[in-house]
Amino acid sequence: MDAARPALIRETFPVGPLQCNCTIIGDPVSKKAIVVDPGGNPETIMARLDKHGLKVVSIIHTHAHLDHFLAAGKMKELTGATLHLHQDDQFLWDGLEMQCQMFGVPYTPVPAPDRWLQDDEELACGCGVALHTPGHTPGSMSFWFADAKLLIAGDTLFRRGIGRTDLWGGDYPTIERSIRQRLYTLDEEATVITGHGPETRLGDEMRENPFVRA
């Protein structure tokens, strides 16, 4: 990493009824930012952005379960940012009302995604790449920020756990392959931001995760 370039601005905090981890990633030079998984509490997310002096240019989703995008529509309305998702999760995005009914969560309509995320696509701000890591859902994505040694894994990888595969489109062999082949090949020193709960270190999961080890 270029020593002259200041570190990315990063803040992660739980939002929404299911306490999904929402992450703000900001470029300290341009002050442009991406928001990952706005699962609720849009006022809180906006306040954190304002605190850092950041402007959102894109709202990206690790997957399309309701708890990861309940505030997406409001965030787009407030910021004008574009919504991004992998196309294989479109059926979940289209079924948000059904998901909310199943989990007893109030339904708030969201607009269609503006762009489909692609595997190995460079993210806005030029600070990271999208990795297609299916298994929890068909379109599950992780986001890798190599210079910062930071991995946003969504519900694919947790601290000593992995994402459940018993919901719509989930598949255990697929999530195992995604973790082994895409995530466990990254820097062992990386900090992993999970979809819920505490952060972890990638090398610790490679050695100690009871479900998938390197």
N, C-alpha and C. Protein backbone atom coordinates (compact mmCIF):
# COMPACT_ATOMS: atom_id res chain seq x y z
N MET A 1 0.86 -1.20 0.00
CA MET A 1 0.00 0.00 0.00
C MET A 1 0.89 1.25 0.00
N ASP A 2 0.51 2.21 -0.83
CA ASP A 2 1.27 3.45 -0.92
C ASP A 2 1.23 4.17 0.42
N ALA A 3 2.42 4.40 0.99
CA ALA A 3 2.50 5.01 2.32
C ALA A 3 1.95 6.44 2.31
N ALA A 4 1.95 7.07 1.12
CA ALA A 4 1.48 8.45 1.05
C ALA A 4 -0.04 8.54 1.03
N ARG A 5 -0.70 7.41 0.78
CA ARG A 5 -2.16 7.44 0.67
C ARG A 5 -2.78 7.12 2.02
N PRO A 6 -3.65 7.99 2.51
CA PRO A 6 -4.27 7.71 3.81
C PRO A 6 -5.17 6.48 3.76
N ALA A 7 -5.36 5.87 4.91
CA ALA A 7 -6.15 4.64 4.99
C ALA A 7 -7.62 4.91 4.67
N LEU A 8 -8.29 3.89 4.17
CA LEU A 8 -9.73 3.99 3.94
C LEU A 8 -10.46 4.33 5.23
N ILE A 9 -11.53 5.08 5.09
CA ILE A 9 -12.44 5.29 6.22
C ILE A 9 -13.36 4.07 6.28
N ARG A 10 -13.46 3.46 7.44
CA ARG A 10 -14.32 2.27 7.56
C ARG A 10 -15.01 2.29 8.90
N GLU A 11 -16.33 2.11 8.86
CA GLU A 11 -17.10 1.96 10.10
C GLU A 11 -18.16 0.89 9.88
N THR A 12 -18.26 -0.04 10.83
CA THR A 12 -19.25 -1.12 10.78
C THR A 12 -20.11 -1.05 12.03
N PHE A 13 -21.42 -1.22 11.86
CA PHE A 13 -22.33 -1.14 13.00
C PHE A 13 -23.60 -1.93 12.67
N PRO A 14 -24.26 -2.50 13.69
CA PRO A 14 -25.46 -3.29 13.45
C PRO A 14 -26.67 -2.39 13.22
N VAL A 15 -27.53 -2.82 12.30
CA VAL A 15 -28.73 -2.05 11.98
C VAL A 15 -29.92 -3.00 11.80
N GLY A 16 -31.11 -2.44 11.90
CA GLY A 16 -32.32 -3.16 11.55
C GLY A 16 -32.78 -4.16 12.59
N PRO A 17 -33.93 -4.77 12.33
CA PRO A 17 -34.54 -5.67 13.31
C PRO A 17 -33.74 -6.94 13.57
N LEU A 18 -32.90 -7.34 12.60
CA LEU A 18 -32.11 -8.56 12.77
C LEU A 18 -30.63 -8.26 12.97
N GLN A 19 -30.31 -6.99 13.24
CA GLN A 19 -28.95 -6.57 13.61
C GLN A 19 -27.90 -7.02 12.58
N CYS A 20 -28.20 -6.74 11.33
CA CYS A 20 -27.24 -6.95 10.25
C CYS A 20 -26.11 -5.94 10.37
N ASN A 21 -24.89 -6.37 10.09
CA ASN A 21 -23.75 -5.45 10.10
C ASN A 21 -23.74 -4.63 8.81
N CYS A 22 -23.90 -3.34 8.95
CA CYS A 22 -23.80 -2.40 7.83
C CYS A 22 -22.40 -1.77 7.88
N THR A 23 -21.78 -1.63 6.73
CA THR A 23 -20.42 -1.08 6.68
C THR A 23 -20.36 0.10 5.72
N ILE A 24 -19.72 1.16 6.18
CA ILE A 24 -19.40 2.32 5.34
C ILE A 24 -17.92 2.23 4.97
N ILE A 25 -17.62 2.32 3.69
CA ILE A 25 -16.24 2.38 3.21
C ILE A 25 -16.08 3.69 2.47
N GLY A 26 -15.16 4.53 2.91
CA GLY A 26 -14.99 5.85 2.30
C GLY A 26 -13.57 6.11 1.84
N ASP A 27 -13.46 6.79 0.71
CA ASP A 27 -12.16 7.25 0.22
C ASP A 27 -11.83 8.56 0.93
N PRO A 28 -10.73 8.61 1.67
CA PRO A 28 -10.42 9.82 2.44
C PRO A 28 -10.05 11.02 1.58
N VAL A 29 -9.70 10.77 0.32
CA VAL A 29 -9.31 11.86 -0.58
C VAL A 29 -10.53 12.44 -1.29
N SER A 30 -11.27 11.58 -2.00
CA SER A 30 -12.42 12.06 -2.77
C SER A 30 -13.66 12.27 -1.91
N LYS A 31 -13.67 11.63 -0.73
CA LYS A 31 -14.82 11.65 0.19
C LYS A 31 -16.05 10.95 -0.39
N LYS A 32 -15.83 10.10 -1.40
CA LYS A 32 -16.90 9.26 -1.92
C LYS A 32 -16.94 7.97 -1.11
N ALA A 33 -18.14 7.40 -0.99
CA ALA A 33 -18.29 6.22 -0.14
C ALA A 33 -19.22 5.20 -0.76
N ILE A 34 -19.05 3.96 -0.30
CA ILE A 34 -20.02 2.91 -0.59
C ILE A 34 -20.61 2.47 0.74
N VAL A 35 -21.87 2.07 0.69
CA VAL A 35 -22.53 1.51 1.86
C VAL A 35 -22.86 0.06 1.54
N VAL A 36 -22.44 -0.84 2.42
CA VAL A 36 -22.68 -2.27 2.24
C VAL A 36 -23.77 -2.73 3.20
N ASP A 37 -24.79 -3.35 2.66
CA ASP A 37 -25.86 -3.98 3.44
C ASP A 37 -26.59 -3.03 4.40
N PRO A 38 -27.30 -2.03 3.86
CA PRO A 38 -28.10 -1.15 4.71
C PRO A 38 -29.39 -1.86 5.14
N GLY A 39 -29.30 -2.61 6.23
CA GLY A 39 -30.39 -3.47 6.65
C GLY A 39 -31.45 -2.82 7.51
N GLY A 40 -31.39 -1.51 7.65
CA GLY A 40 -32.36 -0.78 8.46
C GLY A 40 -31.75 0.48 9.02
N ASN A 41 -32.54 1.25 9.77
CA ASN A 41 -32.05 2.47 10.44
C ASN A 41 -31.34 3.44 9.50
N PRO A 42 -32.00 3.87 8.41
CA PRO A 42 -31.33 4.78 7.47
C PRO A 42 -30.84 6.08 8.11
N GLU A 43 -31.56 6.55 9.15
CA GLU A 43 -31.13 7.80 9.81
C GLU A 43 -29.76 7.60 10.48
N THR A 44 -29.57 6.43 11.07
CA THR A 44 -28.28 6.12 11.71
C THR A 44 -27.18 6.08 10.67
N ILE A 45 -27.45 5.42 9.55
CA ILE A 45 -26.43 5.31 8.50
C ILE A 45 -26.07 6.70 7.97
N MET A 46 -27.07 7.53 7.74
CA MET A 46 -26.80 8.89 7.24
C MET A 46 -26.00 9.70 8.24
N ALA A 47 -26.32 9.54 9.53
CA ALA A 47 -25.58 10.28 10.56
C ALA A 47 -24.11 9.87 10.58
N ARG A 48 -23.84 8.58 10.41
CA ARG A 48 -22.44 8.12 10.39
C ARG A 48 -21.71 8.66 9.16
N LEU A 49 -22.39 8.68 8.03
CA LEU A 49 -21.79 9.25 6.82
C LEU A 49 -21.48 10.73 7.01
N ASP A 50 -22.42 11.46 7.59
CA ASP A 50 -22.22 12.89 7.83
C ASP A 50 -21.04 13.13 8.78
N LYS A 51 -20.93 12.28 9.77
CA LYS A 51 -19.82 12.41 10.74
C LYS A 51 -18.46 12.34 10.04
N HIS A 52 -18.39 11.48 9.02
CA HIS A 52 -17.12 11.32 8.27
C HIS A 52 -17.01 12.26 7.08
N GLY A 53 -18.07 13.05 6.81
CA GLY A 53 -18.06 13.95 5.66
C GLY A 53 -18.06 13.23 4.33
N LEU A 54 -18.78 12.11 4.26
CA LEU A 54 -18.77 11.27 3.06
C LEU A 54 -20.05 11.39 2.25
N LYS A 55 -19.91 11.20 0.93
CA LYS A 55 -21.06 11.17 0.02
C LYS A 55 -21.16 9.77 -0.59
N VAL A 56 -22.32 9.14 -0.45
CA VAL A 56 -22.51 7.79 -0.97
C VAL A 56 -22.70 7.82 -2.48
N VAL A 57 -21.92 6.99 -3.18
CA VAL A 57 -22.09 6.87 -4.63
C VAL A 57 -22.71 5.53 -5.01
N SER A 58 -22.53 4.50 -4.18
CA SER A 58 -23.18 3.22 -4.48
C SER A 58 -23.53 2.48 -3.20
N ILE A 59 -24.63 1.75 -3.28
CA ILE A 59 -25.13 0.93 -2.18
C ILE A 59 -25.04 -0.51 -2.66
N ILE A 60 -24.20 -1.31 -2.03
CA ILE A 60 -23.95 -2.66 -2.52
C ILE A 60 -24.40 -3.69 -1.49
N HIS A 61 -24.81 -4.84 -2.00
CA HIS A 61 -25.42 -5.86 -1.14
C HIS A 61 -24.67 -7.18 -1.26
N THR A 62 -24.40 -7.79 -0.10
CA THR A 62 -23.78 -9.10 -0.12
C THR A 62 -24.75 -10.16 -0.62
N HIS A 63 -26.05 -9.94 -0.38
CA HIS A 63 -27.08 -10.85 -0.88
C HIS A 63 -28.44 -10.20 -0.61
N ALA A 64 -29.50 -10.88 -1.03
CA ALA A 64 -30.80 -10.22 -1.01
C ALA A 64 -31.78 -10.78 0.02
N HIS A 65 -31.27 -11.20 1.17
CA HIS A 65 -32.18 -11.49 2.28
C HIS A 65 -32.63 -10.17 2.89
N LEU A 66 -33.86 -10.14 3.39
CA LEU A 66 -34.48 -8.88 3.80
C LEU A 66 -33.64 -8.09 4.80
N ASP A 67 -32.96 -8.79 5.72
CA ASP A 67 -32.26 -8.09 6.79
C ASP A 67 -31.03 -7.34 6.30
N HIS A 68 -30.66 -7.53 5.02
CA HIS A 68 -29.48 -6.85 4.48
C HIS A 68 -29.85 -5.70 3.56
N PHE A 69 -31.15 -5.50 3.27
CA PHE A 69 -31.47 -4.36 2.40
C PHE A 69 -32.77 -3.65 2.73
N LEU A 70 -33.24 -3.75 3.97
CA LEU A 70 -34.49 -3.08 4.33
C LEU A 70 -34.43 -1.56 4.17
N ALA A 71 -33.24 -0.97 4.33
CA ALA A 71 -33.12 0.50 4.20
C ALA A 71 -32.59 0.93 2.84
N ALA A 72 -32.44 -0.01 1.90
CA ALA A 72 -31.83 0.33 0.61
C ALA A 72 -32.62 1.38 -0.15
N GLY A 73 -33.95 1.21 -0.18
CA GLY A 73 -34.77 2.17 -0.91
C GLY A 73 -34.68 3.57 -0.33
N LYS A 74 -34.74 3.67 0.99
CA LYS A 74 -34.65 4.98 1.64
C LYS A 74 -33.28 5.61 1.44
N MET A 75 -32.23 4.78 1.51
CA MET A 75 -30.88 5.30 1.30
C MET A 75 -30.72 5.84 -0.13
N LYS A 76 -31.28 5.13 -1.08
CA LYS A 76 -31.22 5.61 -2.48
C LYS A 76 -31.97 6.93 -2.62
N GLU A 77 -33.14 7.00 -1.98
CA GLU A 77 -33.95 8.23 -2.04
C GLU A 77 -33.19 9.41 -1.43
N LEU A 78 -32.51 9.17 -0.32
CA LEU A 78 -31.81 10.25 0.39
C LEU A 78 -30.52 10.69 -0.30
N THR A 79 -29.86 9.76 -1.00
CA THR A 79 -28.51 10.04 -1.51
C THR A 79 -28.39 10.05 -3.02
N GLY A 80 -29.36 9.44 -3.72
CA GLY A 80 -29.24 9.31 -5.17
C GLY A 80 -28.25 8.26 -5.61
N ALA A 81 -27.72 7.48 -4.67
CA ALA A 81 -26.73 6.46 -4.99
C ALA A 81 -27.39 5.30 -5.75
N THR A 82 -26.58 4.57 -6.48
CA THR A 82 -27.08 3.43 -7.23
C THR A 82 -27.09 2.18 -6.36
N LEU A 83 -28.06 1.28 -6.63
CA LEU A 83 -28.18 0.01 -5.90
C LEU A 83 -27.54 -1.11 -6.72
N HIS A 84 -26.75 -1.96 -6.04
CA HIS A 84 -26.01 -3.02 -6.72
C HIS A 84 -26.26 -4.37 -6.05
N LEU A 85 -26.43 -5.41 -6.86
CA LEU A 85 -26.73 -6.76 -6.39
C LEU A 85 -26.29 -7.74 -7.47
N HIS A 86 -25.97 -8.98 -7.08
CA HIS A 86 -25.71 -10.00 -8.10
C HIS A 86 -27.05 -10.49 -8.66
N GLN A 87 -27.10 -10.69 -9.96
CA GLN A 87 -28.37 -11.00 -10.62
C GLN A 87 -28.98 -12.31 -10.15
N ASP A 88 -28.15 -13.25 -9.69
CA ASP A 88 -28.69 -14.54 -9.24
C ASP A 88 -29.57 -14.41 -8.00
N ASP A 89 -29.53 -13.26 -7.35
CA ASP A 89 -30.41 -13.03 -6.18
C ASP A 89 -31.62 -12.17 -6.52
N GLN A 90 -31.86 -11.96 -7.79
CA GLN A 90 -33.01 -11.12 -8.17
C GLN A 90 -34.32 -11.69 -7.63
N PHE A 91 -34.45 -13.03 -7.64
CA PHE A 91 -35.71 -13.64 -7.18
C PHE A 91 -35.97 -13.33 -5.70
N LEU A 92 -34.90 -13.19 -4.92
CA LEU A 92 -35.06 -12.83 -3.50
C LEU A 92 -35.43 -11.35 -3.36
N TRP A 93 -34.78 -10.52 -4.15
CA TRP A 93 -35.10 -9.08 -4.14
C TRP A 93 -36.56 -8.86 -4.53
N ASP A 94 -37.00 -9.59 -5.55
CA ASP A 94 -38.39 -9.46 -6.01
C ASP A 94 -39.37 -10.00 -4.96
N GLY A 95 -38.90 -10.89 -4.09
CA GLY A 95 -39.76 -11.49 -3.08
C GLY A 95 -39.63 -10.89 -1.70
N LEU A 96 -39.22 -9.63 -1.63
CA LEU A 96 -39.01 -8.99 -0.33
C LEU A 96 -40.27 -9.02 0.54
N GLU A 97 -41.42 -8.76 -0.07
CA GLU A 97 -42.65 -8.72 0.72
C GLU A 97 -42.92 -10.07 1.37
N MET A 98 -42.71 -11.15 0.63
CA MET A 98 -42.88 -12.51 1.16
C MET A 98 -41.90 -12.78 2.29
N GLN A 99 -40.64 -12.36 2.10
CA GLN A 99 -39.64 -12.55 3.15
C GLN A 99 -40.05 -11.83 4.43
N CYS A 100 -40.49 -10.59 4.28
CA CYS A 100 -40.88 -9.80 5.45
C CYS A 100 -42.06 -10.45 6.19
N GLN A 101 -43.01 -10.97 5.44
CA GLN A 101 -44.16 -11.63 6.06
C GLN A 101 -43.70 -12.85 6.85
N MET A 102 -42.77 -13.60 6.30
CA MET A 102 -42.28 -14.82 6.96
C MET A 102 -41.61 -14.51 8.29
N PHE A 103 -40.89 -13.38 8.33
CA PHE A 103 -40.13 -13.03 9.53
C PHE A 103 -40.83 -12.00 10.41
N GLY A 104 -42.05 -11.62 10.03
CA GLY A 104 -42.82 -10.69 10.84
C GLY A 104 -42.24 -9.29 10.89
N VAL A 105 -41.63 -8.87 9.78
CA VAL A 105 -40.99 -7.55 9.70
C VAL A 105 -41.82 -6.66 8.79
N PRO A 106 -42.06 -5.40 9.16
CA PRO A 106 -42.84 -4.50 8.29
C PRO A 106 -42.21 -4.39 6.90
N TYR A 107 -43.06 -4.41 5.89
CA TYR A 107 -42.59 -4.38 4.50
C TYR A 107 -42.48 -2.95 4.00
N THR A 108 -41.32 -2.60 3.47
CA THR A 108 -41.11 -1.32 2.82
C THR A 108 -40.63 -1.60 1.40
N PRO A 109 -41.38 -1.19 0.38
CA PRO A 109 -40.96 -1.49 -1.00
C PRO A 109 -39.58 -0.89 -1.31
N VAL A 110 -38.82 -1.60 -2.14
CA VAL A 110 -37.53 -1.09 -2.61
C VAL A 110 -37.53 -1.09 -4.13
N PRO A 111 -36.87 -0.12 -4.75
CA PRO A 111 -36.79 -0.12 -6.22
C PRO A 111 -35.90 -1.25 -6.71
N ALA A 112 -35.97 -1.53 -8.00
CA ALA A 112 -35.12 -2.55 -8.59
C ALA A 112 -33.66 -2.11 -8.53
N PRO A 113 -32.72 -3.05 -8.47
CA PRO A 113 -31.30 -2.67 -8.52
C PRO A 113 -30.98 -1.91 -9.81
N ASP A 114 -30.05 -0.98 -9.70
CA ASP A 114 -29.62 -0.21 -10.88
C ASP A 114 -28.60 -0.98 -11.71
N ARG A 115 -27.79 -1.80 -11.02
CA ARG A 115 -26.74 -2.53 -11.73
C ARG A 115 -26.54 -3.88 -11.09
N TRP A 116 -26.21 -4.88 -11.92
CA TRP A 116 -25.87 -6.21 -11.42
C TRP A 116 -24.39 -6.29 -11.16
N LEU A 117 -24.03 -6.74 -9.97
CA LEU A 117 -22.62 -6.94 -9.63
C LEU A 117 -22.06 -8.12 -10.41
N GLN A 118 -20.81 -7.99 -10.83
CA GLN A 118 -20.11 -9.06 -11.54
C GLN A 118 -18.96 -9.57 -10.68
N ASP A 119 -18.62 -10.85 -10.86
CA ASP A 119 -17.45 -11.40 -10.18
C ASP A 119 -16.20 -10.65 -10.61
N ASP A 120 -15.35 -10.32 -9.65
CA ASP A 120 -14.08 -9.60 -9.88
C ASP A 120 -14.28 -8.17 -10.38
N GLU A 121 -15.47 -7.63 -10.21
CA GLU A 121 -15.74 -6.24 -10.60
C GLU A 121 -15.10 -5.29 -9.61
N GLU A 122 -14.48 -4.23 -10.13
CA GLU A 122 -13.93 -3.20 -9.25
C GLU A 122 -15.07 -2.35 -8.69
N LEU A 123 -15.01 -2.09 -7.40
CA LEU A 123 -16.06 -1.33 -6.75
C LEU A 123 -15.84 0.17 -6.92
N ALA A 124 -16.89 0.93 -6.70
CA ALA A 124 -16.79 2.39 -6.74
C ALA A 124 -15.70 2.85 -5.78
N CYS A 125 -15.08 3.94 -6.08
CA CYS A 125 -13.95 4.50 -5.31
C CYS A 125 -12.64 3.77 -5.64
N GLY A 126 -12.71 2.71 -6.45
CA GLY A 126 -11.50 2.00 -6.84
C GLY A 126 -10.75 1.37 -5.70
N CYS A 127 -11.46 1.04 -4.64
CA CYS A 127 -10.76 0.59 -3.43
C CYS A 127 -10.92 -0.89 -3.15
N GLY A 128 -11.71 -1.60 -3.95
CA GLY A 128 -11.93 -3.02 -3.67
C GLY A 128 -12.55 -3.72 -4.85
N VAL A 129 -12.74 -5.04 -4.70
CA VAL A 129 -13.36 -5.82 -5.75
C VAL A 129 -14.47 -6.69 -5.18
N ALA A 130 -15.43 -7.02 -6.03
CA ALA A 130 -16.54 -7.91 -5.67
C ALA A 130 -16.15 -9.34 -6.02
N LEU A 131 -16.43 -10.26 -5.12
CA LEU A 131 -16.18 -11.68 -5.35
C LEU A 131 -17.50 -12.44 -5.26
N HIS A 132 -17.83 -13.21 -6.28
CA HIS A 132 -19.04 -14.01 -6.24
C HIS A 132 -18.77 -15.24 -5.38
N THR A 133 -19.46 -15.34 -4.24
CA THR A 133 -19.25 -16.44 -3.29
C THR A 133 -20.60 -17.10 -2.96
N PRO A 134 -21.21 -17.78 -3.92
CA PRO A 134 -22.53 -18.36 -3.72
C PRO A 134 -22.53 -19.49 -2.70
N GLY A 135 -23.74 -19.82 -2.25
CA GLY A 135 -23.91 -20.91 -1.29
C GLY A 135 -24.97 -20.57 -0.25
N HIS A 136 -24.77 -19.44 0.43
CA HIS A 136 -25.83 -18.96 1.34
C HIS A 136 -27.05 -18.58 0.52
N THR A 137 -26.81 -17.86 -0.57
CA THR A 137 -27.79 -17.62 -1.63
C THR A 137 -27.04 -17.79 -2.95
N PRO A 138 -27.77 -17.95 -4.06
CA PRO A 138 -27.08 -18.11 -5.35
C PRO A 138 -26.23 -16.90 -5.75
N GLY A 139 -26.67 -15.71 -5.33
CA GLY A 139 -25.95 -14.51 -5.73
C GLY A 139 -25.11 -13.89 -4.63
N SER A 140 -24.79 -14.63 -3.59
CA SER A 140 -24.01 -14.06 -2.48
C SER A 140 -22.66 -13.52 -2.97
N MET A 141 -22.32 -12.34 -2.48
CA MET A 141 -21.07 -11.68 -2.83
C MET A 141 -20.26 -11.39 -1.57
N SER A 142 -18.94 -11.38 -1.73
CA SER A 142 -18.05 -10.86 -0.70
C SER A 142 -17.29 -9.70 -1.33
N PHE A 143 -16.76 -8.81 -0.50
CA PHE A 143 -16.06 -7.64 -1.01
C PHE A 143 -14.67 -7.57 -0.38
N TRP A 144 -13.65 -7.51 -1.24
CA TRP A 144 -12.26 -7.63 -0.81
C TRP A 144 -11.52 -6.32 -1.05
N PHE A 145 -10.92 -5.80 0.02
CA PHE A 145 -10.15 -4.56 -0.03
C PHE A 145 -8.70 -4.91 0.31
N ALA A 146 -7.92 -5.20 -0.72
CA ALA A 146 -6.59 -5.79 -0.52
C ALA A 146 -5.66 -4.87 0.25
N ASP A 147 -5.63 -3.59 -0.10
CA ASP A 147 -4.71 -2.67 0.57
C ASP A 147 -5.01 -2.55 2.06
N ALA A 148 -6.28 -2.62 2.40
CA ALA A 148 -6.69 -2.50 3.80
C ALA A 148 -6.71 -3.85 4.52
N LYS A 149 -6.45 -4.94 3.77
CA LYS A 149 -6.56 -6.30 4.33
C LYS A 149 -7.91 -6.46 5.04
N LEU A 150 -8.96 -6.19 4.27
CA LEU A 150 -10.32 -6.18 4.80
C LEU A 150 -11.22 -6.99 3.88
N LEU A 151 -11.98 -7.91 4.47
CA LEU A 151 -12.93 -8.73 3.74
C LEU A 151 -14.32 -8.55 4.34
N ILE A 152 -15.27 -8.14 3.53
CA ILE A 152 -16.67 -8.12 3.95
C ILE A 152 -17.30 -9.39 3.39
N ALA A 153 -17.65 -10.31 4.28
CA ALA A 153 -18.07 -11.65 3.86
C ALA A 153 -19.58 -11.87 3.88
N GLY A 154 -20.34 -10.87 4.34
CA GLY A 154 -21.79 -11.07 4.41
C GLY A 154 -22.12 -12.28 5.27
N ASP A 155 -23.08 -13.08 4.83
CA ASP A 155 -23.48 -14.26 5.59
C ASP A 155 -22.80 -15.52 5.05
N THR A 156 -21.70 -15.36 4.32
CA THR A 156 -20.96 -16.53 3.84
C THR A 156 -20.09 -17.11 4.94
N LEU A 157 -19.36 -16.25 5.64
CA LEU A 157 -18.42 -16.70 6.67
C LEU A 157 -18.64 -15.90 7.94
N PHE A 158 -18.70 -16.60 9.06
CA PHE A 158 -18.85 -15.97 10.37
C PHE A 158 -17.66 -16.35 11.26
N ARG A 159 -17.58 -15.73 12.42
CA ARG A 159 -16.58 -16.14 13.39
C ARG A 159 -16.95 -17.54 13.89
N ARG A 160 -16.14 -18.50 13.49
CA ARG A 160 -16.33 -19.93 13.84
C ARG A 160 -17.67 -20.47 13.33
N GLY A 161 -18.11 -19.92 12.22
CA GLY A 161 -19.36 -20.40 11.63
C GLY A 161 -19.43 -20.07 10.15
N ILE A 162 -20.46 -20.59 9.49
CA ILE A 162 -20.72 -20.26 8.09
C ILE A 162 -22.20 -19.96 7.94
N GLY A 163 -22.58 -19.43 6.79
CA GLY A 163 -23.97 -19.08 6.55
C GLY A 163 -24.86 -20.29 6.45
N ARG A 164 -26.08 -20.15 6.87
CA ARG A 164 -27.06 -21.25 6.77
C ARG A 164 -27.39 -21.47 5.30
N THR A 165 -27.74 -22.72 4.97
CA THR A 165 -28.04 -23.06 3.58
C THR A 165 -29.44 -23.67 3.43
N ASP A 166 -30.28 -23.48 4.45
CA ASP A 166 -31.61 -24.07 4.41
C ASP A 166 -32.68 -23.08 3.96
N LEU A 167 -32.27 -21.87 3.55
CA LEU A 167 -33.22 -20.90 3.01
C LEU A 167 -33.18 -20.96 1.49
N TRP A 168 -34.00 -20.14 0.84
CA TRP A 168 -34.19 -20.17 -0.61
C TRP A 168 -32.86 -20.13 -1.36
N GLY A 169 -32.60 -21.16 -2.15
CA GLY A 169 -31.42 -21.17 -3.00
C GLY A 169 -30.12 -21.52 -2.30
N GLY A 170 -30.16 -21.82 -1.01
CA GLY A 170 -28.95 -22.16 -0.29
C GLY A 170 -28.44 -23.54 -0.68
N ASP A 171 -27.10 -23.74 -0.61
CA ASP A 171 -26.52 -25.02 -0.99
C ASP A 171 -25.20 -25.21 -0.26
N TYR A 172 -25.13 -26.27 0.56
CA TYR A 172 -23.95 -26.47 1.41
C TYR A 172 -22.67 -26.73 0.63
N PRO A 173 -22.64 -27.66 -0.34
CA PRO A 173 -21.39 -27.86 -1.08
C PRO A 173 -20.90 -26.59 -1.77
N THR A 174 -21.84 -25.76 -2.21
CA THR A 174 -21.46 -24.52 -2.90
C THR A 174 -20.83 -23.52 -1.95
N ILE A 175 -21.42 -23.35 -0.75
CA ILE A 175 -20.83 -22.39 0.20
C ILE A 175 -19.46 -22.88 0.66
N GLU A 176 -19.32 -24.18 0.84
CA GLU A 176 -18.02 -24.73 1.24
C GLU A 176 -16.97 -24.44 0.17
N ARG A 177 -17.35 -24.63 -1.09
CA ARG A 177 -16.42 -24.36 -2.19
C ARG A 177 -16.06 -22.87 -2.26
N SER A 178 -17.06 -22.00 -2.07
CA SER A 178 -16.80 -20.55 -2.10
C SER A 178 -15.80 -20.15 -1.02
N ILE A 179 -15.97 -20.71 0.18
CA ILE A 179 -15.08 -20.36 1.28
C ILE A 179 -13.66 -20.87 1.01
N ARG A 180 -13.56 -22.11 0.59
CA ARG A 180 -12.23 -22.69 0.34
C ARG A 180 -11.50 -22.02 -0.82
N GLN A 181 -12.21 -21.86 -1.93
CA GLN A 181 -11.56 -21.44 -3.17
C GLN A 181 -11.46 -19.93 -3.33
N ARG A 182 -12.37 -19.17 -2.73
CA ARG A 182 -12.34 -17.72 -2.92
C ARG A 182 -11.85 -16.98 -1.68
N LEU A 183 -12.36 -17.36 -0.50
CA LEU A 183 -12.02 -16.59 0.70
C LEU A 183 -10.71 -17.06 1.33
N TYR A 184 -10.52 -18.37 1.43
CA TYR A 184 -9.32 -18.88 2.11
C TYR A 184 -8.06 -18.74 1.27
N THR A 185 -8.17 -18.19 0.07
CA THR A 185 -6.98 -17.91 -0.74
C THR A 185 -6.51 -16.46 -0.56
N LEU A 186 -7.24 -15.68 0.24
CA LEU A 186 -6.88 -14.29 0.49
C LEU A 186 -5.88 -14.19 1.65
N ASP A 187 -5.47 -12.99 1.98
CA ASP A 187 -4.46 -12.74 3.00
C ASP A 187 -4.93 -13.22 4.38
N GLU A 188 -4.16 -14.11 5.00
CA GLU A 188 -4.54 -14.65 6.31
C GLU A 188 -4.67 -13.56 7.38
N GLU A 189 -3.99 -12.45 7.18
CA GLU A 189 -4.02 -11.37 8.17
C GLU A 189 -5.26 -10.50 8.05
N ALA A 190 -6.09 -10.77 7.05
CA ALA A 190 -7.25 -9.91 6.79
C ALA A 190 -8.26 -9.96 7.93
N THR A 191 -8.84 -8.80 8.20
CA THR A 191 -9.99 -8.70 9.10
C THR A 191 -11.23 -9.07 8.30
N VAL A 192 -12.08 -9.92 8.89
CA VAL A 192 -13.32 -10.34 8.23
C VAL A 192 -14.50 -9.69 8.93
N ILE A 193 -15.25 -8.88 8.18
CA ILE A 193 -16.51 -8.33 8.67
C ILE A 193 -17.61 -9.32 8.27
N THR A 194 -18.28 -9.86 9.25
CA THR A 194 -19.32 -10.85 8.99
C THR A 194 -20.68 -10.17 8.86
N GLY A 195 -21.66 -10.93 8.38
CA GLY A 195 -22.99 -10.36 8.19
C GLY A 195 -23.70 -10.02 9.48
N HIS A 196 -23.36 -10.75 10.54
CA HIS A 196 -23.92 -10.52 11.88
C HIS A 196 -22.84 -10.89 12.89
N GLY A 197 -22.85 -10.20 14.02
CA GLY A 197 -21.93 -10.59 15.08
C GLY A 197 -20.53 -10.02 14.91
N PRO A 198 -19.57 -10.57 15.68
CA PRO A 198 -18.24 -9.97 15.76
C PRO A 198 -17.39 -10.22 14.52
N GLU A 199 -16.42 -9.34 14.35
CA GLU A 199 -15.41 -9.53 13.31
C GLU A 199 -14.52 -10.71 13.68
N THR A 200 -13.76 -11.19 12.70
CA THR A 200 -12.80 -12.25 12.97
C THR A 200 -11.58 -12.03 12.08
N ARG A 201 -10.62 -12.93 12.18
CA ARG A 201 -9.41 -12.85 11.36
C ARG A 201 -9.42 -14.05 10.43
N LEU A 202 -9.10 -13.82 9.17
CA LEU A 202 -9.24 -14.88 8.17
C LEU A 202 -8.40 -16.10 8.52
N GLY A 203 -7.14 -15.88 8.94
CA GLY A 203 -6.29 -17.01 9.29
C GLY A 203 -6.84 -17.84 10.42
N ASP A 204 -7.50 -17.19 11.38
CA ASP A 204 -8.10 -17.93 12.50
C ASP A 204 -9.21 -18.84 12.00
N GLU A 205 -10.01 -18.35 11.05
CA GLU A 205 -11.08 -19.18 10.50
C GLU A 205 -10.51 -20.34 9.68
N MET A 206 -9.45 -20.08 8.93
CA MET A 206 -8.84 -21.13 8.13
C MET A 206 -8.39 -22.30 9.01
N ARG A 207 -7.95 -21.99 10.21
CA ARG A 207 -7.42 -23.03 11.10
C ARG A 207 -8.46 -23.56 12.09
N GLU A 208 -9.41 -22.73 12.49
CA GLU A 208 -10.25 -23.08 13.62
C GLU A 208 -11.75 -23.17 13.34
N ASN A 209 -12.18 -22.76 12.13
CA ASN A 209 -13.62 -22.81 11.84
C ASN A 209 -14.07 -24.28 11.81
N PRO A 210 -15.03 -24.67 12.64
CA PRO A 210 -15.41 -26.09 12.73
C PRO A 210 -16.15 -26.61 11.50
N PHE A 211 -16.61 -25.73 10.63
CA PHE A 211 -17.38 -26.16 9.47
C PHE A 211 -16.52 -26.29 8.21
N VAL A 212 -15.65 -25.30 7.99
CA VAL A 212 -14.77 -25.32 6.81
C VAL A 212 -13.38 -24.88 7.22
N ARG A 213 -12.42 -25.78 7.09
CA ARG A 213 -11.03 -25.42 7.36
C ARG A 213 -10.23 -25.43 6.06
N ALA A 214 -9.18 -24.67 6.03
CA ALA A 214 -8.35 -24.59 4.83
C ALA A 214 -7.65 -25.92 4.59
